[in-house]
C-alpha atoms as a PDB file:
ATOM      1  CA  UNK A   1      15.543  34.445  13.144  1.00  0.00           C
ATOM      2  CA  UNK A   2      16.438  31.434  15.276  1.00  0.00           C
ATOM      3  CA  UNK A   3      13.894  32.800  17.568  1.00  0.00           C
ATOM      4  CA  UNK A   4      11.402  32.617  14.473  1.00  0.00           C
ATOM      5  CA  UNK A   5      12.512  29.136  13.704  1.00  0.00           C
ATOM      6  CA  UNK A   6      11.216  28.020  16.881  1.00  0.00           C
ATOM      7  CA  UNK A   7       8.270  29.980  17.002  1.00  0.00           C
ATOM      8  CA  UNK A   8       7.080  27.875  13.845  1.00  0.00           C
ATOM      9  CA  UNK A   9       8.414  24.834  15.299  1.00  0.00           C
ATOM     10  CA  UNK A  10       6.076  25.381  18.208  1.00  0.00           C
ATOM     11  CA  UNK A  11       3.279  26.523  16.064  1.00  0.00           C
ATOM     12  CA  UNK A  12       3.609  22.679  13.933  1.00  0.00           C
ATOM     13  CA  UNK A  13       3.798  21.108  17.377  1.00  0.00           C
ATOM     14  CA  UNK A  14       0.550  22.555  18.841  1.00  0.00           C
ATOM     15  CA  UNK A  15      -1.641  21.547  15.614  1.00  0.00           C
ATOM     16  CA  UNK A  16      -3.717  18.777  15.614  1.00  0.00           C
ATOM     17  CA  UNK A  17      -3.490  15.956  12.882  1.00  0.00           C
ATOM     18  CA  UNK A  18      -5.884  16.616  10.673  1.00  0.00           C
ATOM     19  CA  UNK A  19      -4.817  20.251  10.373  1.00  0.00           C
ATOM     20  CA  UNK A  20      -1.201  18.756   9.503  1.00  0.00           C
ATOM     21  CA  UNK A  21      -2.114  16.362   7.072  1.00  0.00           C
ATOM     22  CA  UNK A  22      -4.024  18.927   5.301  1.00  0.00           C
ATOM     23  CA  UNK A  23      -1.264  21.199   4.835  1.00  0.00           C
ATOM     24  CA  UNK A  24       1.314  18.056   4.525  1.00  0.00           C
ATOM     25  CA  UNK A  25      -1.034  17.706   1.019  1.00  0.00           C
ATOM     26  CA  UNK A  26      -0.284  21.037   0.216  1.00  0.00           C
ATOM     27  CA  UNK A  27       3.432  20.134  -0.268  1.00  0.00           C
ATOM     28  CA  UNK A  28       4.534  21.435   3.585  1.00  0.00           C
ATOM     29  CA  UNK A  29       7.474  20.224   4.668  1.00  0.00           C
ATOM     30  CA  UNK A  30       7.393  21.825   8.583  1.00  0.00           C
ATOM     31  CA  UNK A  31       4.146  19.492   8.911  1.00  0.00           C
ATOM     32  CA  UNK A  32       5.836  16.386   7.446  1.00  0.00           C
ATOM     33  CA  UNK A  33       8.221  16.659   9.811  1.00  0.00           C
ATOM     34  CA  UNK A  34       6.029  17.585  12.305  1.00  0.00           C
ATOM     35  CA  UNK A  35       3.537  14.696  12.225  1.00  0.00           C
ATOM     36  CA  UNK A  36       6.623  12.183  11.735  1.00  0.00           C
ATOM     37  CA  UNK A  37       8.238  13.200  14.943  1.00  0.00           C
ATOM     38  CA  UNK A  38       4.870  13.251  16.801  1.00  0.00           C
ATOM     39  CA  UNK A  39       4.110   9.243  15.716  1.00  0.00           C
ATOM     40  CA  UNK A  40       7.840   8.068  15.147  1.00  0.00           C
ATOM     41  CA  UNK A  41       7.928   6.025  18.504  1.00  0.00           C
ATOM     42  CA  UNK A  42       4.883   4.537  17.998  1.00  0.00           C
ATOM     43  CA  UNK A  43       5.351   3.945  14.839  1.00  0.00           C
ATOM     44  CA  UNK A  44       8.904   2.119  15.417  1.00  0.00           C
ATOM     45  CA  UNK A  45       6.947  -0.093  17.822  1.00  0.00           C
ATOM     46  CA  UNK A  46       4.506  -1.305  15.308  1.00  0.00           C
ATOM     47  CA  UNK A  47       6.781  -1.765  12.559  1.00  0.00           C
ATOM     48  CA  UNK A  48       8.827  -4.074  15.106  1.00  0.00           C
ATOM     49  CA  UNK A  49       5.761  -6.041  15.651  1.00  0.00           C
ATOM     50  CA  UNK A  50       4.585  -6.495  12.267  1.00  0.00           C
ATOM     51  CA  UNK A  51       8.363  -7.984  11.057  1.00  0.00           C
ATOM     52  CA  UNK A  52       8.475 -10.048  13.596  1.00  0.00           C
ATOM     53  CA  UNK A  53       4.919 -11.675  11.714  1.00  0.00           C
ATOM     54  CA  UNK A  54       5.938 -10.546   8.452  1.00  0.00           C
ATOM     55  CA  UNK A  55      10.323 -10.861   8.537  1.00  0.00           C
ATOM     56  CA  UNK A  56      10.494  -9.504   4.769  1.00  0.00           C
ATOM     57  CA  UNK A  57      14.393  -9.277   4.603  1.00  0.00           C
ATOM     58  CA  UNK A  58      16.671 -11.343   5.826  1.00  0.00           C
ATOM     59  CA  UNK A  59      19.581  -9.585   6.475  1.00  0.00           C
ATOM     60  CA  UNK A  60      17.143  -6.874   8.829  1.00  0.00           C
ATOM     61  CA  UNK A  61      15.780 -10.752  10.671  1.00  0.00           C
ATOM     62  CA  UNK A  62      19.356 -11.277  11.499  1.00  0.00           C
ATOM     63  CA  UNK A  63      19.763  -7.630  13.343  1.00  0.00           C
ATOM     64  CA  UNK A  64      18.847  -6.705  17.016  1.00  0.00           C
ATOM     65  CA  UNK A  65      15.920  -5.263  17.866  1.00  0.00           C
ATOM     66  CA  UNK A  66      17.909  -2.005  18.854  1.00  0.00           C
ATOM     67  CA  UNK A  67      19.213  -2.037  15.310  1.00  0.00           C
ATOM     68  CA  UNK A  68      16.185  -3.138  13.150  1.00  0.00           C
ATOM     69  CA  UNK A  69      13.978   0.097  14.147  1.00  0.00           C
ATOM     70  CA  UNK A  70      16.409   2.524  12.139  1.00  0.00           C
ATOM     71  CA  UNK A  71      16.741  -0.577   9.590  1.00  0.00           C
ATOM     72  CA  UNK A  72      13.019  -0.130   8.818  1.00  0.00           C
ATOM     73  CA  UNK A  73      12.806   3.378   8.453  1.00  0.00           C
ATOM     74  CA  UNK A  74      13.009   3.987   4.749  1.00  0.00           C
ATOM     75  CA  UNK A  75      10.035   1.651   5.149  1.00  0.00           C
ATOM     76  CA  UNK A  76       8.393   3.118   7.439  1.00  0.00           C
ATOM     77  CA  UNK A  77       8.531   6.389   6.093  1.00  0.00           C
ATOM     78  CA  UNK A  78       6.556   4.940   2.784  1.00  0.00           C
ATOM     79  CA  UNK A  79       3.707   3.576   4.905  1.00  0.00           C
ATOM     80  CA  UNK A  80       3.578   6.585   6.702  1.00  0.00           C
ATOM     81  CA  UNK A  81       3.537   8.999   3.716  1.00  0.00           C
ATOM     82  CA  UNK A  82       0.804   6.596   2.207  1.00  0.00           C
ATOM     83  CA  UNK A  83      -1.029   6.592   4.860  1.00  0.00           C
ATOM     84  CA  UNK A  84      -1.034  10.842   4.458  1.00  0.00           C
ATOM     85  CA  UNK A  85      -2.007  10.528   1.570  1.00  0.00           C
ATOM     86  CA  UNK A  86      -5.401   7.874   2.057  1.00  0.00           C
ATOM     87  CA  UNK A  87      -6.809   8.916   5.585  1.00  0.00           C
ATOM     88  CA  UNK A  88     -10.046   9.910   5.680  1.00  0.00           C
ATOM     89  CA  UNK A  89     -10.400  11.777   8.271  1.00  0.00           C
ATOM     90  CA  UNK A  90     -13.539   9.471   9.950  1.00  0.00           C
ATOM     91  CA  UNK A  91     -12.896   5.746  10.218  1.00  0.00           C
ATOM     92  CA  UNK A  92      -9.624   5.897  12.987  1.00  0.00           C
ATOM     93  CA  UNK A  93      -7.417   8.364  14.087  1.00  0.00           C
ATOM     94  CA  UNK A  94      -4.462   8.817  11.887  1.00  0.00           C
ATOM     95  CA  UNK A  95      -2.030   6.638  14.974  1.00  0.00           C
ATOM     96  CA  UNK A  96      -4.171   3.875  13.983  1.00  0.00           C
ATOM     97  CA  UNK A  97      -3.979   4.176  10.394  1.00  0.00           C
ATOM     98  CA  UNK A  98      -0.514   4.667  10.034  1.00  0.00           C
ATOM     99  CA  UNK A  99      -0.134   1.439  11.826  1.00  0.00           C
ATOM    100  CA  UNK A 100      -1.933  -0.190  10.004  1.00  0.00           C
ATOM    101  CA  UNK A 101       0.126   0.862   7.140  1.00  0.00           C
ATOM    102  CA  UNK A 102       3.091   0.153   8.401  1.00  0.00           C
ATOM    103  CA  UNK A 103       0.887  -3.676   8.551  1.00  0.00           C
ATOM    104  CA  UNK A 104      -0.316  -3.606   5.312  1.00  0.00           C
ATOM    105  CA  UNK A 105       3.060  -2.238   4.111  1.00  0.00           C
ATOM    106  CA  UNK A 106       5.626  -5.099   5.099  1.00  0.00           C
ATOM    107  CA  UNK A 107       2.592  -7.985   4.344  1.00  0.00           C
ATOM    108  CA  UNK A 108       3.058  -7.100   0.614  1.00  0.00           C
ATOM    109  CA  UNK A 109       6.729  -7.141   0.822  1.00  0.00           C
ATOM    110  CA  UNK A 110       6.933 -10.637   2.828  1.00  0.00           C
ATOM    111  CA  UNK A 111       4.222 -11.842   0.371  1.00  0.00           C
ATOM    112  CA  UNK A 112       6.226 -10.307  -2.704  1.00  0.00           C
ATOM    113  CA  UNK A 113       9.745 -12.033  -1.501  1.00  0.00           C
ATOM    114  CA  UNK A 114       7.357 -15.622  -1.172  1.00  0.00           C
ATOM    115  CA  UNK A 115       6.402 -15.291  -4.236  1.00  0.00           C
ATOM    116  CA  UNK A 116       9.328 -14.123  -5.865  1.00  0.00           C
ATOM    117  CA  UNK A 117      11.442 -16.717  -4.487  1.00  0.00           C
ATOM    118  CA  UNK A 118       8.891 -19.160  -5.074  1.00  0.00           C
ATOM    119  CA  UNK A 119       7.960 -18.309  -9.116  1.00  0.00           C
ATOM    120  CA  UNK A 120      11.627 -16.627  -9.742  1.00  0.00           C
ATOM    121  CA  UNK A 121      12.386 -16.260 -13.441  1.00  0.00           C
ATOM    122  CA  UNK A 122      14.971 -14.299 -15.320  1.00  0.00           C
ATOM    123  CA  UNK A 123      12.952 -11.832 -16.955  1.00  0.00           C
ATOM    124  CA  UNK A 124      10.415 -11.546 -14.010  1.00  0.00           C
ATOM    125  CA  UNK A 125      10.564  -7.639 -14.421  1.00  0.00           C
ATOM    126  CA  UNK A 126      11.139  -4.985 -17.314  1.00  0.00           C
ATOM    127  CA  UNK A 127      13.394  -3.200 -14.916  1.00  0.00           C
ATOM    128  CA  UNK A 128      16.258  -5.444 -15.660  1.00  0.00           C
ATOM    129  CA  UNK A 129      17.068  -3.356 -18.860  1.00  0.00           C
ATOM    130  CA  UNK A 130      17.391  -0.383 -17.122  1.00  0.00           C
ATOM    131  CA  UNK A 131      18.216   1.581 -20.518  1.00  0.00           C
ATOM    132  CA  UNK A 132      16.208   3.360 -23.120  1.00  0.00           C
ATOM    133  CA  UNK A 133      14.490   1.985 -25.449  1.00  0.00           C
ATOM    134  CA  UNK A 134      16.505   2.954 -28.300  1.00  0.00           C
ATOM    135  CA  UNK A 135      19.107   1.448 -27.333  1.00  0.00           C
ATOM    136  CA  UNK A 136      17.391  -2.069 -27.335  1.00  0.00           C
ATOM    137  CA  UNK A 137      18.156  -4.594 -29.725  1.00  0.00           C
ATOM    138  CA  UNK A 138      15.567  -5.615 -32.172  1.00  0.00           C
ATOM    139  CA  UNK A 139      15.601  -9.123 -31.609  1.00  0.00           C
ATOM    140  CA  UNK A 140      15.069  -8.047 -27.353  1.00  0.00           C
ATOM    141  CA  UNK A 141      12.185  -5.745 -28.507  1.00  0.00           C
ATOM    142  CA  UNK A 142       9.461  -8.812 -27.709  1.00  0.00           C
ATOM    143  CA  UNK A 143      11.043  -9.754 -24.860  1.00  0.00           C
ATOM    144  CA  UNK A 144      11.075  -6.163 -23.642  1.00  0.00           C
ATOM    145  CA  UNK A 145       7.508  -5.549 -24.320  1.00  0.00           C
ATOM    146  CA  UNK A 146       6.448  -8.622 -22.458  1.00  0.00           C
ATOM    147  CA  UNK A 147       8.719  -7.589 -19.408  1.00  0.00           C
ATOM    148  CA  UNK A 148       7.203  -4.219 -19.384  1.00  0.00           C
ATOM    149  CA  UNK A 149       3.776  -5.442 -20.140  1.00  0.00           C
ATOM    150  CA  UNK A 150       3.997  -7.523 -17.026  1.00  0.00           C
ATOM    151  CA  UNK A 151       5.216  -5.223 -14.721  1.00  0.00           C
ATOM    152  CA  UNK A 152       3.050  -2.555 -15.550  1.00  0.00           C
ATOM    153  CA  UNK A 153       0.330  -5.818 -14.095  1.00  0.00           C
ATOM    154  CA  UNK A 154       2.574  -6.769 -11.199  1.00  0.00           C
ATOM    155  CA  UNK A 155       2.586  -2.903 -10.231  1.00  0.00           C
ATOM    156  CA  UNK A 156      -1.326  -2.443 -10.814  1.00  0.00           C
ATOM    157  CA  UNK A 157      -1.719  -5.724  -8.891  1.00  0.00           C
ATOM    158  CA  UNK A 158       0.079  -4.546  -6.099  1.00  0.00           C
ATOM    159  CA  UNK A 159      -1.961  -1.244  -5.931  1.00  0.00           C
ATOM    160  CA  UNK A 160      -5.292  -3.044  -6.345  1.00  0.00           C
ATOM    161  CA  UNK A 161      -4.457  -5.369  -3.440  1.00  0.00           C
ATOM    162  CA  UNK A 162      -3.138  -2.404  -1.018  1.00  0.00           C
ATOM    163  CA  UNK A 163      -6.747  -0.665  -1.965  1.00  0.00           C
ATOM    164  CA  UNK A 164      -9.080  -4.206  -1.167  1.00  0.00           C
ATOM    165  CA  UNK A 165      -6.927  -4.066   2.028  1.00  0.00           C
ATOM    166  CA  UNK A 166      -8.236  -0.882   3.176  1.00  0.00           C
ATOM    167  CA  UNK A 167     -12.081  -0.951   1.554  1.00  0.00           C
ATOM    168  CA  UNK A 168     -12.182  -4.645   3.818  1.00  0.00           C
ATOM    169  CA  UNK A 169     -12.134  -2.127   6.832  1.00  0.00           C
ATOM    170  CA  UNK A 170     -14.940  -0.396   5.910  1.00  0.00           C
ATOM    171  CA  UNK A 171     -17.400  -3.817   5.336  1.00  0.00           C
ATOM    172  CA  UNK A 172     -18.659  -6.184   7.465  1.00  0.00           C
ATOM    173  CA  UNK A 173     -16.964  -8.931   8.249  1.00  0.00           C
ATOM    174  CA  UNK A 174     -19.258 -11.544   7.811  1.00  0.00           C
ATOM    175  CA  UNK A 175     -21.198  -9.950   4.872  1.00  0.00           C
ATOM    176  CA  UNK A 176     -21.288 -10.424   0.797  1.00  0.00           C
ATOM    177  CA  UNK A 177     -18.977  -7.604   0.256  1.00  0.00           C
ATOM    178  CA  UNK A 178     -16.723  -9.311   2.318  1.00  0.00           C
ATOM    179  CA  UNK A 179     -16.608 -12.249   0.345  1.00  0.00           C
ATOM    180  CA  UNK A 180     -16.101 -10.078  -2.643  1.00  0.00           C
ATOM    181  CA  UNK A 181     -13.791  -8.442  -1.927  1.00  0.00           C
ATOM    182  CA  UNK A 182     -11.729 -11.839  -0.212  1.00  0.00           C
ATOM    183  CA  UNK A 183     -12.025 -12.967  -3.888  1.00  0.00           C
ATOM    184  CA  UNK A 184     -10.631 -10.461  -5.385  1.00  0.00           C
ATOM    185  CA  UNK A 185      -7.811 -10.138  -3.196  1.00  0.00           C
ATOM    186  CA  UNK A 186      -6.840 -14.074  -3.144  1.00  0.00           C
ATOM    187  CA  UNK A 187      -6.719 -13.571  -7.190  1.00  0.00           C
ATOM    188  CA  UNK A 188      -4.154 -10.887  -6.724  1.00  0.00           C
ATOM    189  CA  UNK A 189      -2.483 -13.017  -4.967  1.00  0.00           C
ATOM    190  CA  UNK A 190      -2.400 -15.847  -7.467  1.00  0.00           C
ATOM    191  CA  UNK A 191      -1.287 -13.521 -10.290  1.00  0.00           C
ATOM    192  CA  UNK A 192      -4.397 -13.784 -11.833  1.00  0.00           C
ATOM    193  CA  UNK A 193      -6.396 -11.011 -13.763  1.00  0.00           C
ATOM    194  CA  UNK A 194      -9.652  -9.845 -11.890  1.00  0.00           C
ATOM    195  CA  UNK A 195     -11.888 -12.023 -13.307  1.00  0.00           C
ATOM    196  CA  UNK A 196     -15.874 -11.336 -12.814  1.00  0.00           C
ATOM    197  CA  UNK A 197     -17.140 -14.506 -13.352  1.00  0.00           C
ATOM    198  CA  UNK A 198     -14.771 -16.559 -11.261  1.00  0.00           C
ATOM    199  CA  UNK A 199     -15.456 -14.350  -8.779  1.00  0.00           C
ATOM    200  CA  UNK A 200     -18.926 -14.463  -9.219  1.00  0.00           C
ATOM    201  CA  UNK A 201     -18.840 -18.324  -9.632  1.00  0.00           C
ATOM    202  CA  UNK A 202     -16.703 -18.657  -6.195  1.00  0.00           C
ATOM    203  CA  UNK A 203     -19.897 -16.713  -4.067  1.00  0.00           C
ATOM    204  CA  UNK A 204     -22.417 -18.073  -6.017  1.00  0.00           C
ATOM    205  CA  UNK A 205     -23.928 -15.042  -7.716  1.00  0.00           C
ATOM    206  CA  UNK A 206     -24.706 -13.961 -10.910  1.00  0.00           C
ATOM    207  CA  UNK A 207     -21.949 -11.147 -12.551  1.00  0.00           C
ATOM    208  CA  UNK A 208     -24.674  -8.584 -12.946  1.00  0.00           C
ATOM    209  CA  UNK A 209     -24.784  -9.255  -8.980  1.00  0.00           C
ATOM    210  CA  UNK A 210     -21.271  -8.966  -8.527  1.00  0.00           C
ATOM    211  CA  UNK A 211     -20.810  -5.649 -10.169  1.00  0.00           C
ATOM    212  CA  UNK A 212     -23.736  -4.252  -7.816  1.00  0.00           C
ATOM    213  CA  UNK A 213     -22.182  -5.429  -4.966  1.00  0.00           C
ATOM    214  CA  UNK A 214     -18.563  -3.574  -6.291  1.00  0.00           C
ATOM    215  CA  UNK A 215     -20.229  -0.802  -6.898  1.00  0.00           C
ATOM    216  CA  UNK A 216     -22.542  -0.753  -3.467  1.00  0.00           C
ATOM    217  CA  UNK A 217     -18.919  -1.336  -1.545  1.00  0.00           C
ATOM    218  CA  UNK A 218     -17.300   1.681  -3.916  1.00  0.00           C
ATOM    219  CA  UNK A 219     -20.047   3.853  -2.890  1.00  0.00           C
ATOM    220  CA  UNK A 220     -19.352   3.563   0.719  1.00  0.00           C
ATOM    221  CA  UNK A 221     -15.676   4.182   0.786  1.00  0.00           C
ATOM    222  CA  UNK A 222     -13.927   7.303   1.314  1.00  0.00           C
ATOM    223  CA  UNK A 223     -13.779   9.481  -2.218  1.00  0.00           C
ATOM    224  CA  UNK A 224     -10.228   8.740  -2.509  1.00  0.00           C
ATOM    225  CA  UNK A 225     -10.434   5.194  -2.053  1.00  0.00           C
ATOM    226  CA  UNK A 226     -12.856   4.709  -4.082  1.00  0.00           C
ATOM    227  CA  UNK A 227     -11.408   6.432  -7.057  1.00  0.00           C
ATOM    228  CA  UNK A 228      -8.403   4.959  -6.267  1.00  0.00           C
ATOM    229  CA  UNK A 229     -10.199   1.782  -6.924  1.00  0.00           C
ATOM    230  CA  UNK A 230     -12.072   2.516  -9.969  1.00  0.00           C
ATOM    231  CA  UNK A 231      -9.646   3.701 -11.811  1.00  0.00           C
ATOM    232  CA  UNK A 232      -7.277   0.432 -11.185  1.00  0.00           C
ATOM    233  CA  UNK A 233     -10.199  -2.097 -12.206  1.00  0.00           C
END
């Protein structure tokens, strides 16, 4: 049995990244372990580099670099899982994409912490209730509904912001498509709902032109990423 396990482990270690990713998407735990182990050192190095720019946790920031990598492991793994889900097999190596996902994850956490500190509110998240709807007092229900709606918007905006950052990799840096994506991302950074009219005014285009530009962007994105943005808009 031990020999069989060694042979199986060797088989996974000899697979290329794309084959492992396909197995992971079919819920193969051994493939997850093999791919994560393959790039852990690279991802940990990237995490330490990006954490210096985006120090989202003051306790980890106070640690030595030797202790920071293990402390960042859970966030590295979250970024790794997202990289596996979104990798398109074409535009970059998986190693590069995973390291970019770590950067985007840390930047988002840092931005959220800054925004929270600047706009701290008692009812900033519906998670503070932490109980079933049936247990909410009638006089608290309106506050609960408002907090729940805000929580939904925050989650939606975070997912959209992350998707826009991924989409920026597929458009020219100095083109109108990049301007549209940046305006949309900046609107989300300001905790505003996306407003096509304000985007159109900012780039001196009509609303219909903005819709057309956005559709052109989506047509050139990997199918999974384009679908994710369409579902959120």
